[in-house]
N, C-alpha and C. Protein backbone atom coordinates (compact mmCIF):
# COMPACT_ATOMS: atom_id res chain seq x y z
N MET A 1 -64.61 -55.28 -56.31
CA MET A 1 -63.67 -56.34 -56.43
C MET A 1 -64.01 -57.46 -57.52
N ILE A 2 -65.60 -57.69 -57.88
CA ILE A 2 -65.95 -58.74 -58.52
C ILE A 2 -65.81 -58.23 -59.84
N GLU A 3 -65.68 -56.89 -60.23
CA GLU A 3 -65.46 -56.41 -61.36
C GLU A 3 -63.91 -56.63 -61.70
N TRP A 4 -63.05 -56.46 -60.84
CA TRP A 4 -61.92 -56.45 -60.97
C TRP A 4 -61.63 -57.87 -61.60
N LEU A 5 -61.94 -58.90 -60.71
CA LEU A 5 -61.87 -60.02 -61.08
C LEU A 5 -62.34 -60.67 -62.79
N THR A 6 -63.21 -59.67 -62.80
CA THR A 6 -64.37 -60.27 -64.03
C THR A 6 -63.55 -59.62 -65.10
N ILE A 7 -62.74 -58.54 -65.16
CA ILE A 7 -61.54 -58.12 -65.85
C ILE A 7 -60.32 -58.95 -66.20
N LEU A 8 -60.00 -59.23 -64.85
CA LEU A 8 -58.70 -60.21 -65.14
C LEU A 8 -59.03 -61.49 -65.55
N PHE A 9 -59.93 -62.56 -65.19
CA PHE A 9 -60.04 -63.47 -65.67
C PHE A 9 -60.89 -63.69 -66.97
N ASP A 10 -61.21 -62.30 -67.52
CA ASP A 10 -62.13 -62.12 -69.20
C ASP A 10 -60.49 -61.92 -70.18
N SER A 11 -59.34 -61.85 -69.49
CA SER A 11 -58.57 -61.42 -70.18
C SER A 11 -57.19 -62.51 -70.60
N ARG A 12 -57.22 -62.76 -71.95
CA ARG A 12 -56.33 -63.67 -72.72
C ARG A 12 -54.87 -63.40 -72.45
N ILE A 13 -54.30 -62.06 -71.99
CA ILE A 13 -53.07 -61.88 -71.70
C ILE A 13 -52.76 -62.83 -70.17
N PHE A 14 -53.86 -62.85 -69.05
CA PHE A 14 -53.44 -63.25 -68.03
C PHE A 14 -53.64 -64.73 -67.76
N MET A 15 -54.43 -65.41 -68.95
CA MET A 15 -54.54 -66.78 -69.29
C MET A 15 -53.03 -67.17 -69.73
N ARG A 16 -52.46 -66.29 -70.66
CA ARG A 16 -51.14 -66.99 -70.98
C ARG A 16 -50.14 -66.56 -70.06
N ILE A 17 -49.86 -65.83 -69.29
CA ILE A 17 -49.20 -65.24 -68.43
C ILE A 17 -49.20 -66.66 -67.27
N ASN A 18 -50.80 -66.84 -66.94
CA ASN A 18 -50.91 -68.15 -65.78
C ASN A 18 -50.27 -69.39 -66.38
N ALA A 19 -50.73 -69.39 -67.80
CA ALA A 19 -50.33 -71.01 -68.19
C ALA A 19 -48.63 -71.12 -68.24
N VAL A 20 -47.78 -70.11 -68.82
CA VAL A 20 -46.51 -70.08 -68.88
C VAL A 20 -45.75 -69.94 -66.99
N THR A 21 -46.56 -69.17 -66.58
CA THR A 21 -46.34 -69.52 -64.66
C THR A 21 -46.26 -71.19 -64.65
N GLY A 22 -47.32 -71.90 -65.10
CA GLY A 22 -47.87 -73.13 -64.84
C GLY A 22 -46.82 -74.21 -64.83
N PHE A 23 -46.17 -73.61 -66.12
CA PHE A 23 -45.40 -74.47 -67.09
C PHE A 23 -43.94 -74.43 -66.58
N LEU A 24 -43.80 -72.91 -65.74
CA LEU A 24 -42.38 -72.71 -65.33
C LEU A 24 -42.70 -73.98 -63.63
N LEU A 25 -43.59 -73.61 -62.91
CA LEU A 25 -43.56 -74.45 -61.81
C LEU A 25 -43.89 -75.89 -61.99
N LEU A 26 -44.42 -76.29 -63.17
CA LEU A 26 -44.29 -77.88 -63.26
C LEU A 26 -42.27 -78.06 -63.75
N GLY A 27 -42.09 -77.40 -64.48
CA GLY A 27 -40.67 -77.55 -64.77
C GLY A 27 -40.00 -77.52 -63.70
N LEU A 28 -40.03 -76.67 -62.64
CA LEU A 28 -38.87 -76.69 -61.31
C LEU A 28 -39.34 -77.80 -60.66
N PHE A 29 -40.72 -78.29 -60.60
CA PHE A 29 -41.01 -79.65 -59.59
C PHE A 29 -40.48 -80.61 -60.54
N ILE A 30 -40.12 -81.15 -61.44
CA ILE A 30 -39.86 -82.26 -62.05
C ILE A 30 -37.85 -81.81 -62.48
N PHE A 31 -38.00 -80.69 -62.41
CA PHE A 31 -36.34 -80.73 -62.24
C PHE A 31 -35.65 -81.22 -60.85
N PHE A 32 -36.31 -81.03 -59.64
CA PHE A 32 -35.78 -81.32 -58.34
C PHE A 32 -36.41 -83.30 -58.54
N TYR A 33 -37.35 -83.54 -59.20
CA TYR A 33 -37.41 -84.82 -59.02
C TYR A 33 -36.03 -85.42 -59.92
N PHE A 34 -35.49 -85.36 -60.99
CA PHE A 34 -34.50 -86.05 -61.61
C PHE A 34 -32.99 -84.96 -61.37
N SER A 35 -33.15 -84.45 -60.16
CA SER A 35 -32.00 -83.84 -59.70
C SER A 35 -31.14 -84.70 -59.02
N LYS A 36 -29.99 -84.57 -58.20
CA LYS A 36 -29.12 -85.55 -57.75
C LYS A 36 -29.78 -85.96 -56.22
N GLU A 37 -30.37 -84.60 -55.67
CA GLU A 37 -31.05 -84.72 -54.49
C GLU A 37 -31.96 -85.34 -54.33
N GLY A 38 -32.60 -85.30 -55.52
CA GLY A 38 -34.45 -86.33 -55.59
C GLY A 38 -34.26 -87.67 -55.75
N LYS A 39 -33.30 -88.32 -56.06
CA LYS A 39 -33.25 -89.52 -56.13
C LYS A 39 -32.71 -90.29 -55.31
N ASP A 40 -32.38 -89.52 -54.05
CA ASP A 40 -31.86 -90.79 -52.92
C ASP A 40 -33.45 -90.61 -52.04
N GLU A 41 -33.32 -91.33 -51.09
CA GLU A 41 -34.35 -92.00 -50.25
C GLU A 41 -35.21 -90.50 -49.44
N ARG A 42 -34.20 -89.82 -48.95
CA ARG A 42 -34.77 -88.22 -48.46
C ARG A 42 -35.48 -87.72 -49.51
N GLY A 43 -34.73 -87.39 -50.91
CA GLY A 43 -35.49 -86.76 -51.49
C GLY A 43 -37.12 -86.95 -51.92
N ARG A 44 -36.56 -88.19 -52.23
CA ARG A 44 -38.14 -89.02 -52.43
C ARG A 44 -39.27 -89.06 -51.47
N GLY A 45 -38.97 -88.93 -50.25
CA GLY A 45 -39.84 -88.73 -49.25
C GLY A 45 -40.54 -87.20 -49.29
N LEU A 46 -39.24 -86.50 -49.22
CA LEU A 46 -39.95 -84.82 -49.54
C LEU A 46 -40.94 -84.60 -50.87
N ILE A 47 -40.41 -85.41 -52.04
CA ILE A 47 -41.50 -85.55 -52.62
C ILE A 47 -42.67 -85.86 -52.60
N ALA A 48 -42.82 -87.22 -51.98
CA ALA A 48 -43.93 -87.81 -51.31
C ALA A 48 -44.50 -86.59 -50.38
N THR A 49 -44.14 -86.44 -49.63
CA THR A 49 -45.11 -85.30 -48.82
C THR A 49 -45.28 -84.06 -49.44
N ALA A 50 -44.43 -83.42 -49.99
CA ALA A 50 -45.15 -82.14 -50.88
C ALA A 50 -46.54 -82.55 -51.95
N SER A 51 -46.04 -84.00 -52.26
CA SER A 51 -47.12 -84.32 -53.10
C SER A 51 -48.78 -84.43 -52.44
N LEU A 52 -48.36 -84.76 -51.34
CA LEU A 52 -49.64 -85.26 -50.56
C LEU A 52 -50.20 -84.09 -49.99
N VAL A 53 -49.42 -83.09 -49.61
CA VAL A 53 -50.05 -81.56 -49.07
C VAL A 53 -50.59 -81.00 -50.88
N ALA A 54 -49.78 -81.16 -51.75
CA ALA A 54 -50.42 -80.54 -52.90
C ALA A 54 -52.02 -81.01 -53.07
N TYR A 55 -51.95 -82.40 -52.94
CA TYR A 55 -53.17 -83.37 -53.56
C TYR A 55 -54.25 -82.40 -52.41
N ALA A 56 -54.06 -82.19 -51.24
CA ALA A 56 -55.04 -82.01 -50.45
C ALA A 56 -55.53 -80.44 -50.76
N THR A 57 -54.51 -79.35 -50.89
CA THR A 57 -54.65 -78.16 -51.92
C THR A 57 -55.72 -78.29 -52.92
N LEU A 58 -55.59 -79.63 -54.05
CA LEU A 58 -56.02 -79.73 -54.69
C LEU A 58 -57.76 -79.73 -54.88
N PHE A 59 -57.81 -80.40 -53.59
CA PHE A 59 -59.39 -80.76 -53.32
C PHE A 59 -60.16 -79.93 -53.07
N VAL A 60 -59.17 -78.69 -51.83
CA VAL A 60 -59.97 -77.68 -51.77
C VAL A 60 -59.99 -76.65 -52.70
N LEU A 61 -58.98 -76.19 -53.14
CA LEU A 61 -59.25 -75.73 -54.82
C LEU A 61 -60.49 -75.64 -55.69
N LEU A 62 -60.58 -77.04 -55.93
CA LEU A 62 -61.73 -77.86 -56.72
C LEU A 62 -62.74 -77.36 -56.18
N ASN A 63 -63.02 -77.57 -54.95
CA ASN A 63 -64.54 -77.33 -54.35
C ASN A 63 -64.56 -75.61 -54.39
N ILE A 64 -63.57 -75.22 -54.31
CA ILE A 64 -63.81 -73.49 -54.20
C ILE A 64 -64.21 -73.40 -55.65
N PHE A 65 -63.69 -73.57 -57.03
CA PHE A 65 -63.83 -73.42 -57.98
C PHE A 65 -65.14 -73.99 -58.54
N SER A 66 -65.79 -75.27 -58.13
CA SER A 66 -67.08 -75.27 -58.33
C SER A 66 -68.15 -74.79 -57.74
N TYR A 67 -67.87 -74.23 -56.83
CA TYR A 67 -68.68 -73.08 -55.80
C TYR A 67 -68.92 -72.11 -57.20
N PHE A 68 -68.08 -71.23 -57.63
CA PHE A 68 -68.11 -70.15 -58.33
C PHE A 68 -68.20 -70.44 -60.07
N LEU A 69 -68.43 -71.80 -60.66
CA LEU A 69 -68.44 -72.46 -61.79
C LEU A 69 -69.58 -71.99 -62.96
N ALA A 70 -70.79 -71.36 -62.02
CA ALA A 70 -71.91 -70.82 -62.75
C ALA A 70 -71.30 -69.41 -63.46
N TRP A 71 -70.39 -68.76 -62.67
CA TRP A 71 -69.83 -67.27 -63.15
C TRP A 71 -68.77 -67.56 -63.96
N HIS A 72 -68.32 -68.93 -63.80
CA HIS A 72 -66.97 -69.04 -64.78
C HIS A 72 -67.64 -69.30 -66.48
N MET A 73 -68.87 -70.03 -66.18
CA MET A 73 -69.42 -70.23 -67.26
C MET A 73 -69.57 -69.40 -68.09
N GLU A 74 -69.80 -68.13 -68.18
CA GLU A 74 -70.91 -66.94 -68.70
C GLU A 74 -69.55 -66.72 -70.04
N ASN A 75 -68.45 -66.97 -69.79
CA ASN A 75 -67.07 -66.83 -70.74
C ASN A 75 -66.46 -68.15 -71.15
N ILE A 76 -66.03 -68.74 -72.15
CA ILE A 76 -65.03 -69.73 -72.13
C ILE A 76 -63.33 -69.20 -71.59
N VAL A 77 -63.34 -67.91 -72.12
CA VAL A 77 -61.93 -67.34 -71.36
C VAL A 77 -61.86 -67.50 -70.02
N ARG A 78 -62.94 -67.11 -69.54
CA ARG A 78 -62.97 -66.99 -67.84
C ARG A 78 -62.75 -68.37 -67.41
N LEU A 79 -63.34 -69.20 -68.06
CA LEU A 79 -63.54 -70.39 -67.66
C LEU A 79 -61.88 -71.13 -67.65
N ALA A 80 -61.35 -71.26 -68.64
CA ALA A 80 -59.80 -71.43 -68.93
C ALA A 80 -59.33 -70.86 -68.07
N ASN A 81 -59.31 -69.88 -67.71
CA ASN A 81 -58.78 -69.07 -66.29
C ASN A 81 -58.61 -69.52 -64.96
N GLY A 82 -60.01 -69.80 -64.79
CA GLY A 82 -60.43 -70.68 -63.84
C GLY A 82 -59.46 -71.62 -63.40
N ILE A 83 -59.77 -72.84 -64.15
CA ILE A 83 -58.97 -74.25 -64.64
C ILE A 83 -57.44 -73.86 -64.45
N GLN A 84 -56.87 -72.95 -65.31
CA GLN A 84 -55.52 -72.94 -65.07
C GLN A 84 -55.12 -72.28 -64.06
N THR A 85 -55.86 -71.50 -63.18
CA THR A 85 -55.12 -70.74 -62.20
C THR A 85 -55.21 -72.11 -60.75
N VAL A 86 -56.40 -72.61 -60.92
CA VAL A 86 -56.29 -73.81 -59.99
C VAL A 86 -55.16 -74.81 -60.19
N TYR A 87 -54.91 -75.05 -61.73
CA TYR A 87 -53.66 -76.13 -61.70
C TYR A 87 -52.24 -74.77 -61.39
N THR A 88 -52.57 -73.95 -61.48
CA THR A 88 -51.16 -72.92 -60.92
C THR A 88 -50.95 -72.86 -59.54
N LEU A 89 -52.18 -72.88 -58.94
CA LEU A 89 -52.06 -72.70 -57.67
C LEU A 89 -51.36 -74.37 -56.70
N PHE A 90 -52.09 -75.39 -57.41
CA PHE A 90 -51.67 -76.38 -57.16
C PHE A 90 -50.62 -76.72 -57.18
N LEU A 91 -49.59 -76.08 -58.51
CA LEU A 91 -48.44 -76.31 -58.62
C LEU A 91 -47.27 -75.79 -57.58
N LEU A 92 -47.78 -74.36 -57.37
CA LEU A 92 -47.08 -73.42 -56.50
C LEU A 92 -46.93 -73.93 -55.26
N THR A 93 -48.26 -74.81 -54.51
CA THR A 93 -48.31 -75.52 -53.13
C THR A 93 -47.02 -76.49 -53.47
N ALA A 94 -47.15 -77.15 -54.10
CA ALA A 94 -46.30 -78.23 -54.20
C ALA A 94 -44.50 -77.85 -53.94
N ASP A 95 -44.52 -76.91 -54.99
CA ASP A 95 -43.28 -76.22 -55.07
C ASP A 95 -43.11 -75.48 -53.54
N VAL A 96 -43.73 -75.07 -52.85
CA VAL A 96 -43.68 -74.24 -51.74
C VAL A 96 -43.68 -75.55 -50.82
N ALA A 97 -44.09 -76.34 -50.57
CA ALA A 97 -44.02 -77.24 -49.85
C ALA A 97 -42.44 -78.26 -49.68
N LEU A 98 -42.46 -78.10 -50.89
CA LEU A 98 -40.77 -79.00 -51.33
C LEU A 98 -39.97 -78.37 -50.60
N LEU A 99 -39.83 -76.87 -51.20
CA LEU A 99 -38.85 -76.15 -50.33
C LEU A 99 -38.84 -75.87 -49.00
N ILE A 100 -39.84 -75.53 -48.30
CA ILE A 100 -40.14 -75.90 -47.26
C ILE A 100 -39.64 -77.10 -46.48
N LEU A 101 -40.29 -78.22 -47.04
CA LEU A 101 -39.43 -79.37 -46.55
C LEU A 101 -37.96 -79.83 -46.72
N LYS A 102 -37.48 -79.05 -47.85
CA LYS A 102 -35.75 -79.14 -47.62
C LYS A 102 -35.31 -78.46 -46.65
N LYS A 103 -35.93 -77.25 -46.09
CA LYS A 103 -35.10 -76.53 -45.35
C LYS A 103 -35.46 -77.25 -44.03
N ILE A 104 -36.43 -77.86 -43.67
CA ILE A 104 -36.75 -78.51 -42.23
C ILE A 104 -36.05 -79.91 -42.00
N ARG A 105 -35.90 -80.71 -43.33
CA ARG A 105 -35.42 -81.70 -42.66
C ARG A 105 -34.10 -81.42 -43.37
């Protein structure tokens, strides 16, 4: 398992795919913010709640990342992939929470 993660996190291709995915997830979140639905009170409440959930997830993800920081520091590409993965998972959490809240409320 650790060998597979080492190969994955040392890959520059994975870093680019991860960066593009993060950029697309950020674009999706910004798109909802500026959409017609995101400008009313209900939409702003959904954005605030999704952001709060994502912030709590970011706290957990950064604590997990810091636990493996020595492993990440062995290679600069691995470190960049780790940081980008945390950011992508943060944005994924925000977007998924937003979609779930849209269905619930």
